[in-house]
Amino acid sequence: MDYARLRAQNLPISSGVIEATCKTLVTQRMKRSGQHWTIDGGQAILTFRALAQSERFDAAWKMVAAEYQQDMVFPENVLPFPARRTSVKPDLMLPRHISTLHPVSTTTP
């Protein structure tokens, strides 16, 4: 490691900050008893943890939601299931544009 160059750039050269981050971000979550991870699954967990711990999760979630959110259109011969009674508020179960849909009439014009 080129300590002189890093110090000249005012970058931290102590491994303490890096080791503490590894312990809180990676080790505490990934090395729990009985857990096994695929590379993709482990990366997903670590990405989520990094965003959550750096307080950037909300901004990242908005980007992901904008990319993957889709409107659902029901064919005329399909009725959406009525909302189930749960302790969860209905607006938390489905996106607003889905939860406000009205059943399609089953009668033929």
Protein backbone atom coordinates (compact mmCIF):
# COMPACT_ATOMS: atom_id res chain seq x y z
CA MET A 1 0.00 0.00 0.00
CA ASP A 2 1.37 3.44 -0.92
CA TYR A 3 0.78 5.19 2.41
CA ALA A 4 2.51 8.45 1.42
CA ARG A 5 0.29 8.92 -1.65
CA LEU A 6 -2.89 8.05 0.28
CA ARG A 7 -2.00 10.46 3.10
CA ALA A 8 -1.30 13.19 0.54
CA GLN A 9 -4.84 12.66 -0.80
CA ASN A 10 -6.25 12.85 2.78
CA LEU A 11 -7.55 9.29 2.51
CA PRO A 12 -7.78 7.10 5.60
CA ILE A 13 -4.99 4.54 5.76
CA SER A 14 -6.07 2.91 8.98
CA SER A 15 -7.54 -0.54 8.63
CA GLY A 16 -9.71 0.02 11.73
CA VAL A 17 -12.43 1.81 9.77
CA ILE A 18 -12.46 -0.91 7.12
CA GLU A 19 -12.44 -3.73 9.65
CA ALA A 20 -15.31 -2.17 11.62
CA THR A 21 -17.33 -1.78 8.43
CA CYS A 22 -16.70 -5.41 7.48
CA LYS A 23 -17.77 -6.55 10.92
CA THR A 24 -21.01 -4.56 11.03
CA LEU A 25 -21.94 -4.77 7.38
CA VAL A 26 -20.83 -8.24 6.38
CA THR A 27 -19.88 -10.53 9.24
CA GLN A 28 -22.83 -9.93 11.54
CA ARG A 29 -25.31 -10.65 8.77
CA MET A 30 -23.64 -13.24 6.56
CA LYS A 31 -22.09 -15.54 9.15
CA ARG A 32 -25.11 -16.38 11.28
CA SER A 33 -25.51 -19.94 12.42
CA GLY A 34 -26.88 -22.28 9.77
CA GLN A 35 -26.97 -19.75 6.94
CA HIS A 36 -25.63 -20.54 3.50
CA TRP A 37 -25.60 -18.08 0.62
CA THR A 38 -25.32 -18.26 -3.13
CA ILE A 39 -23.17 -15.53 -4.63
CA ASP A 40 -26.23 -13.72 -6.02
CA GLY A 41 -28.21 -14.05 -2.79
CA GLY A 42 -25.30 -12.90 -0.66
CA GLN A 43 -24.67 -9.93 -2.92
CA ALA A 44 -28.34 -8.93 -2.73
CA ILE A 45 -28.24 -8.99 1.09
CA LEU A 46 -24.99 -7.04 1.23
CA THR A 47 -26.26 -4.42 -1.22
CA PHE A 48 -29.42 -3.99 0.84
CA ARG A 49 -27.42 -3.70 4.08
CA ALA A 50 -24.98 -1.21 2.60
CA LEU A 51 -27.84 0.98 1.37
CA ALA A 52 -29.69 0.74 4.67
CA GLN A 53 -26.66 1.47 6.85
CA SER A 54 -25.51 4.38 4.69
CA GLU A 55 -29.01 5.92 4.79
CA ARG A 56 -29.32 5.71 0.99
CA PHE A 57 -32.01 3.01 0.90
CA ASP A 58 -34.97 5.33 0.22
CA ALA A 59 -33.28 6.94 -2.79
CA ALA A 60 -32.23 3.54 -4.15
CA TRP A 61 -35.72 2.08 -3.66
CA LYS A 62 -37.25 4.94 -5.68
CA MET A 63 -34.90 4.14 -8.56
CA VAL A 64 -35.70 0.41 -8.41
CA ALA A 65 -39.45 1.04 -8.15
CA ALA A 66 -39.36 3.41 -11.12
CA GLU A 67 -37.58 0.76 -13.19
CA TYR A 68 -39.72 -2.25 -12.30
CA GLN A 69 -43.18 -0.93 -11.40
CA GLN A 70 -45.82 -1.94 -13.90
CA ASP A 71 -49.51 -1.25 -14.23
CA MET A 72 -51.69 -4.32 -14.13
CA VAL A 73 -54.46 -4.62 -16.68
CA PHE A 74 -57.01 -7.34 -16.17
CA PRO A 75 -58.56 -8.99 -19.22
CA GLU A 76 -62.32 -8.59 -19.41
CA ASN A 77 -62.95 -12.22 -18.46
CA VAL A 78 -60.76 -12.06 -15.31
CA LEU A 79 -61.79 -10.47 -12.04
CA PRO A 80 -59.21 -9.33 -9.51
CA PHE A 81 -59.44 -11.08 -6.15
CA PRO A 82 -61.19 -8.99 -3.50
CA ALA A 83 -58.89 -7.59 -0.85
CA ARG A 84 -58.33 -10.04 1.99
CA ARG A 85 -58.91 -8.97 5.55
CA THR A 86 -55.56 -8.67 7.25
CA SER A 87 -53.96 -6.59 9.94
CA VAL A 88 -51.96 -4.85 7.20
CA LYS A 89 -53.45 -1.66 5.82
CA PRO A 90 -54.85 -2.28 2.30
CA ASP A 91 -52.67 0.45 0.80
CA LEU A 92 -49.60 -1.49 1.97
CA MET A 93 -50.73 -4.71 0.28
CA LEU A 94 -51.09 -3.38 -3.27
CA PRO A 95 -49.89 -0.29 -5.06
CA ARG A 96 -52.53 2.45 -5.17
CA HIS A 97 -53.26 2.01 -8.89
CA ILE A 98 -54.15 -1.65 -8.30
CA SER A 99 -56.05 -1.33 -5.02
CA THR A 100 -58.41 1.25 -6.52
CA LEU A 101 -59.48 -0.93 -9.45
CA HIS A 102 -63.14 -1.79 -9.62
CA PRO A 103 -64.28 -5.32 -10.56
CA VAL A 104 -65.01 -5.73 -14.24
CA SER A 105 -68.59 -6.55 -15.06
CA THR A 106 -69.14 -10.18 -15.99
CA THR A 107 -72.23 -9.47 -18.05
CA THR A 108 -71.85 -9.42 -21.80
CA PRO A 109 -73.07 -6.21 -23.46
